[in-house]
Amino acid sequence: MHICIAAVGKLKETYLIAGVNEYKKRLSPYAKIEIIEVADEKTPERASPLEEERIKEREGERLLAHIPDSAYVIALAIEGKMKSSEQFAAHLDELATYGQSNIAFVIGGSLGLSRRVLARADEALSFSKMTFPHQLMRLILLEQIYRAFRINRGEPYHK
């Protein structure tokens, strides 16, 4: 399975970089993991709703440029469907079983994802009704993907 995580912004904090690298290493026996970072836009302090939409559109164009037409796209969005870790694992297993071996997860910037990115997505996934920093979300996503592979293989993993 090939998993691409396309995300707005570069990781800056060393603890996040270390965590992402650790989970990429742990995932290497299960899948090829590719992380694509696209530039984020500066958001003015008092940006109007129109300015915010334009920012999301520019970031969205950059994200879409890296997503192959053949990819099954899962957008991380607060309004997406929530799943338990077991449901997420079963869903990834089902995708692989039915020939979707190229999966792209998309993480927007601080303003979220553009309408075009959400329209391109095959589904929207939410990890919580809470808002998380988009850089931290990358680490949380990798941990859940790792957990899903362990669940699907019947391998032990802490609960």
C-alpha atoms as a PDB file:
ATOM      1  CA  MET A   1       0.000   0.000   0.000  1.00  0.00           C
ATOM      2  CA  HIS A   2       1.179   3.521  -0.808  1.00  0.00           C
ATOM      3  CA  ILE A   3       0.063   6.237   1.588  1.00  0.00           C
ATOM      4  CA  CYS A   4       0.642   9.890   0.826  1.00  0.00           C
ATOM      5  CA  ILE A   5       0.053  12.622   3.365  1.00  0.00           C
ATOM      6  CA  ALA A   6      -0.239  15.988   1.653  1.00  0.00           C
ATOM      7  CA  ALA A   7      -0.122  18.791   4.188  1.00  0.00           C
ATOM      8  CA  VAL A   8       0.024  22.551   4.258  1.00  0.00           C
ATOM      9  CA  GLY A   9       3.100  23.940   6.014  1.00  0.00           C
ATOM     10  CA  LYS A  10       6.457  22.629   7.117  1.00  0.00           C
ATOM     11  CA  LEU A  11       6.988  20.985  10.463  1.00  0.00           C
ATOM     12  CA  LYS A  12       9.105  23.273  12.623  1.00  0.00           C
ATOM     13  CA  GLU A  13       9.040  21.809  16.125  1.00  0.00           C
ATOM     14  CA  THR A  14      11.710  19.180  16.712  1.00  0.00           C
ATOM     15  CA  TYR A  15       9.421  16.996  18.832  1.00  0.00           C
ATOM     16  CA  LEU A  16       6.909  16.776  15.965  1.00  0.00           C
ATOM     17  CA  ILE A  17       9.637  16.006  13.426  1.00  0.00           C
ATOM     18  CA  ALA A  18      10.987  13.266  15.716  1.00  0.00           C
ATOM     19  CA  GLY A  19       7.507  11.786  16.206  1.00  0.00           C
ATOM     20  CA  VAL A  20       6.718  11.813  12.481  1.00  0.00           C
ATOM     21  CA  ASN A  21      10.058  10.159  11.690  1.00  0.00           C
ATOM     22  CA  GLU A  22       9.459   7.505  14.350  1.00  0.00           C
ATOM     23  CA  TYR A  23       6.046   6.556  12.940  1.00  0.00           C
ATOM     24  CA  LYS A  24       7.341   6.597   9.350  1.00  0.00           C
ATOM     25  CA  LYS A  25       9.997   4.097  10.486  1.00  0.00           C
ATOM     26  CA  ARG A  26       7.414   1.951  12.308  1.00  0.00           C
ATOM     27  CA  LEU A  27       5.169   1.973   9.239  1.00  0.00           C
ATOM     28  CA  SER A  28       7.903   0.961   6.781  1.00  0.00           C
ATOM     29  CA  PRO A  29       7.175  -2.809   7.008  1.00  0.00           C
ATOM     30  CA  TYR A  30       3.490  -2.172   6.241  1.00  0.00           C
ATOM     31  CA  ALA A  31       3.333   0.577   3.625  1.00  0.00           C
ATOM     32  CA  LYS A  32       5.283   3.116   1.621  1.00  0.00           C
ATOM     33  CA  ILE A  33       4.729   6.469   3.330  1.00  0.00           C
ATOM     34  CA  GLU A  34       5.244   9.721   1.475  1.00  0.00           C
ATOM     35  CA  ILE A  35       4.809  13.118   3.094  1.00  0.00           C
ATOM     36  CA  ILE A  36       4.369  16.141   0.876  1.00  0.00           C
ATOM     37  CA  GLU A  37       4.533  19.602   2.375  1.00  0.00           C
ATOM     38  CA  VAL A  38       3.205  22.574   0.444  1.00  0.00           C
ATOM     39  CA  ALA A  39       3.779  26.212   1.334  1.00  0.00           C
ATOM     40  CA  ASP A  40       1.248  27.892   3.561  1.00  0.00           C
ATOM     41  CA  GLU A  41      -0.059  31.393   2.991  1.00  0.00           C
ATOM     42  CA  LYS A  42       0.358  34.206   5.460  1.00  0.00           C
ATOM     43  CA  THR A  43      -3.021  35.088   6.937  1.00  0.00           C
ATOM     44  CA  PRO A  44      -3.477  38.762   7.844  1.00  0.00           C
ATOM     45  CA  GLU A  45      -4.493  39.446  11.457  1.00  0.00           C
ATOM     46  CA  ARG A  46      -7.994  40.609  10.513  1.00  0.00           C
ATOM     47  CA  ALA A  47      -8.561  38.688   7.294  1.00  0.00           C
ATOM     48  CA  SER A  48     -12.028  38.980   5.808  1.00  0.00           C
ATOM     49  CA  PRO A  49     -13.972  35.805   4.991  1.00  0.00           C
ATOM     50  CA  LEU A  50     -13.210  36.457   1.300  1.00  0.00           C
ATOM     51  CA  GLU A  51      -9.474  36.738   2.021  1.00  0.00           C
ATOM     52  CA  GLU A  52      -9.600  33.510   4.017  1.00  0.00           C
ATOM     53  CA  GLU A  53     -11.315  31.705   1.118  1.00  0.00           C
ATOM     54  CA  ARG A  54      -8.640  32.961  -1.298  1.00  0.00           C
ATOM     55  CA  ILE A  55      -5.913  31.719   1.041  1.00  0.00           C
ATOM     56  CA  LYS A  56      -7.542  28.277   1.286  1.00  0.00           C
ATOM     57  CA  GLU A  57      -7.903  28.182  -2.518  1.00  0.00           C
ATOM     58  CA  ARG A  58      -4.202  28.944  -3.075  1.00  0.00           C
ATOM     59  CA  GLU A  59      -3.154  26.318  -0.532  1.00  0.00           C
ATOM     60  CA  GLY A  60      -5.672  23.894  -2.033  1.00  0.00           C
ATOM     61  CA  GLU A  61      -4.250  24.323  -5.534  1.00  0.00           C
ATOM     62  CA  ARG A  62      -0.822  23.413  -4.204  1.00  0.00           C
ATOM     63  CA  LEU A  63      -2.212  20.314  -2.468  1.00  0.00           C
ATOM     64  CA  LEU A  64      -4.189  19.154  -5.511  1.00  0.00           C
ATOM     65  CA  ALA A  65      -1.111  19.448  -7.722  1.00  0.00           C
ATOM     66  CA  HIS A  66       0.459  16.568  -5.747  1.00  0.00           C
ATOM     67  CA  ILE A  67      -2.526  14.211  -5.673  1.00  0.00           C
ATOM     68  CA  PRO A  68      -2.621  11.629  -8.467  1.00  0.00           C
ATOM     69  CA  ASP A  69      -5.919  11.112 -10.257  1.00  0.00           C
ATOM     70  CA  SER A  70      -5.840   7.444  -9.229  1.00  0.00           C
ATOM     71  CA  ALA A  71      -5.537   8.175  -5.500  1.00  0.00           C
ATOM     72  CA  TYR A  72      -8.346   7.563  -3.045  1.00  0.00           C
ATOM     73  CA  VAL A  73      -8.440  10.867  -1.172  1.00  0.00           C
ATOM     74  CA  ILE A  74      -9.330  11.239   2.485  1.00  0.00           C
ATOM     75  CA  ALA A  75      -9.602  14.862   3.607  1.00  0.00           C
ATOM     76  CA  LEU A  76      -9.107  15.566   7.284  1.00  0.00           C
ATOM     77  CA  ALA A  77     -11.899  17.956   8.166  1.00  0.00           C
ATOM     78  CA  ILE A  78     -13.678  18.746  11.413  1.00  0.00           C
ATOM     79  CA  GLU A  79     -17.026  18.232   9.656  1.00  0.00           C
ATOM     80  CA  GLY A  80     -15.982  14.764   8.420  1.00  0.00           C
ATOM     81  CA  LYS A  81     -17.144  11.421   9.734  1.00  0.00           C
ATOM     82  CA  MET A  82     -15.669  10.235  13.029  1.00  0.00           C
ATOM     83  CA  LYS A  83     -14.514   6.630  13.397  1.00  0.00           C
ATOM     84  CA  SER A  84     -13.056   4.550  16.168  1.00  0.00           C
ATOM     85  CA  SER A  85      -9.550   3.190  15.656  1.00  0.00           C
ATOM     86  CA  GLU A  86     -11.068  -0.216  14.897  1.00  0.00           C
ATOM     87  CA  GLN A  87     -13.462   1.260  12.322  1.00  0.00           C
ATOM     88  CA  PHE A  88     -10.611   3.201  10.717  1.00  0.00           C
ATOM     89  CA  ALA A  89      -8.502   0.023  10.559  1.00  0.00           C
ATOM     90  CA  ALA A  90     -11.367  -1.929   8.993  1.00  0.00           C
ATOM     91  CA  HIS A  91     -11.898   0.850   6.450  1.00  0.00           C
ATOM     92  CA  LEU A  92      -8.222   0.875   5.389  1.00  0.00           C
ATOM     93  CA  ASP A  93      -8.320  -2.909   5.104  1.00  0.00           C
ATOM     94  CA  GLU A  94     -11.477  -2.710   2.988  1.00  0.00           C
ATOM     95  CA  LEU A  95      -9.920  -0.101   0.687  1.00  0.00           C
ATOM     96  CA  ALA A  96      -6.882  -2.342   0.137  1.00  0.00           C
ATOM     97  CA  THR A  97      -9.080  -5.395  -0.433  1.00  0.00           C
ATOM     98  CA  TYR A  98     -11.037  -3.626  -3.163  1.00  0.00           C
ATOM     99  CA  GLY A  99      -7.990  -2.320  -5.014  1.00  0.00           C
ATOM    100  CA  GLN A 100      -7.468   1.102  -3.457  1.00  0.00           C
ATOM    101  CA  SER A 101      -3.785   0.723  -2.664  1.00  0.00           C
ATOM    102  CA  ASN A 102      -2.929   4.381  -3.316  1.00  0.00           C
ATOM    103  CA  ILE A 103      -4.419   6.498  -0.527  1.00  0.00           C
ATOM    104  CA  ALA A 104      -3.837  10.224  -0.070  1.00  0.00           C
ATOM    105  CA  PHE A 105      -4.674  11.954   3.192  1.00  0.00           C
ATOM    106  CA  VAL A 106      -4.965  15.730   2.955  1.00  0.00           C
ATOM    107  CA  ILE A 107      -4.365  18.102   5.868  1.00  0.00           C
ATOM    108  CA  GLY A 108      -5.162  21.766   5.356  1.00  0.00           C
ATOM    109  CA  GLY A 109      -3.567  24.796   6.916  1.00  0.00           C
ATOM    110  CA  SER A 110      -4.790  26.807   9.874  1.00  0.00           C
ATOM    111  CA  LEU A 111      -7.928  27.863   7.968  1.00  0.00           C
ATOM    112  CA  GLY A 112      -8.810  24.356   6.819  1.00  0.00           C
ATOM    113  CA  LEU A 113      -9.307  22.987   3.304  1.00  0.00           C
ATOM    114  CA  SER A 114     -10.675  24.671   0.208  1.00  0.00           C
ATOM    115  CA  ARG A 115     -13.968  23.663  -1.369  1.00  0.00           C
ATOM    116  CA  ARG A 116     -12.062  22.239  -4.362  1.00  0.00           C
ATOM    117  CA  VAL A 117     -10.004  19.940  -2.143  1.00  0.00           C
ATOM    118  CA  LEU A 118     -13.111  18.792  -0.269  1.00  0.00           C
ATOM    119  CA  ALA A 119     -14.880  18.184  -3.604  1.00  0.00           C
ATOM    120  CA  ARG A 120     -11.929  16.082  -4.845  1.00  0.00           C
ATOM    121  CA  ALA A 121     -11.937  13.982  -1.679  1.00  0.00           C
ATOM    122  CA  ASP A 122     -13.621  10.600  -1.711  1.00  0.00           C
ATOM    123  CA  GLU A 123     -14.432  11.095   1.955  1.00  0.00           C
ATOM    124  CA  ALA A 124     -13.879  13.473   4.845  1.00  0.00           C
ATOM    125  CA  LEU A 125     -12.565  12.146   8.141  1.00  0.00           C
ATOM    126  CA  SER A 126     -12.701  13.892  11.497  1.00  0.00           C
ATOM    127  CA  PHE A 127     -10.604  12.900  14.478  1.00  0.00           C
ATOM    128  CA  SER A 128     -12.632  14.992  16.907  1.00  0.00           C
ATOM    129  CA  LYS A 129     -14.973  17.927  17.183  1.00  0.00           C
ATOM    130  CA  MET A 130     -12.019  19.669  18.808  1.00  0.00           C
ATOM    131  CA  THR A 131      -9.594  21.704  16.738  1.00  0.00           C
ATOM    132  CA  PHE A 132      -5.992  20.489  16.606  1.00  0.00           C
ATOM    133  CA  PRO A 133      -2.974  22.337  15.226  1.00  0.00           C
ATOM    134  CA  HIS A 134      -2.530  21.119  11.658  1.00  0.00           C
ATOM    135  CA  GLN A 135       1.117  20.240  12.315  1.00  0.00           C
ATOM    136  CA  LEU A 136       0.204  18.057  15.299  1.00  0.00           C
ATOM    137  CA  MET A 137      -2.517  16.415  13.195  1.00  0.00           C
ATOM    138  CA  ARG A 138       0.156  14.931  10.936  1.00  0.00           C
ATOM    139  CA  LEU A 139       1.648  13.036  13.887  1.00  0.00           C
ATOM    140  CA  ILE A 140      -1.768  11.929  15.171  1.00  0.00           C
ATOM    141  CA  LEU A 141      -2.703  10.654  11.695  1.00  0.00           C
ATOM    142  CA  LEU A 142       0.513   8.637  11.342  1.00  0.00           C
ATOM    143  CA  GLU A 143      -0.028   7.077  14.767  1.00  0.00           C
ATOM    144  CA  GLN A 144      -3.568   6.048  13.813  1.00  0.00           C
ATOM    145  CA  ILE A 145      -2.415   4.592  10.485  1.00  0.00           C
ATOM    146  CA  TYR A 146       0.224   2.587  12.366  1.00  0.00           C
ATOM    147  CA  ARG A 147      -2.382   1.466  14.895  1.00  0.00           C
ATOM    148  CA  ALA A 148      -4.682   0.421  12.024  1.00  0.00           C
ATOM    149  CA  PHE A 149      -2.030  -1.812  10.462  1.00  0.00           C
ATOM    150  CA  ARG A 150      -1.305  -3.411  13.835  1.00  0.00           C
ATOM    151  CA  ILE A 151      -5.027  -4.021  14.436  1.00  0.00           C
ATOM    152  CA  ASN A 152      -5.508  -5.496  10.959  1.00  0.00           C
ATOM    153  CA  ARG A 153      -2.581  -7.879  11.416  1.00  0.00           C
ATOM    154  CA  GLY A 154      -3.691  -8.946  14.893  1.00  0.00           C
ATOM    155  CA  GLU A 155      -0.457  -7.591  16.344  1.00  0.00           C
ATOM    156  CA  PRO A 156      -0.378  -6.230  19.890  1.00  0.00           C
ATOM    157  CA  TYR A 157      -0.513  -2.499  20.445  1.00  0.00           C
ATOM    158  CA  HIS A 158      -1.337  -0.536  23.568  1.00  0.00           C
ATOM    159  CA  LYS A 159      -4.926   0.597  23.992  1.00  0.00           C
END
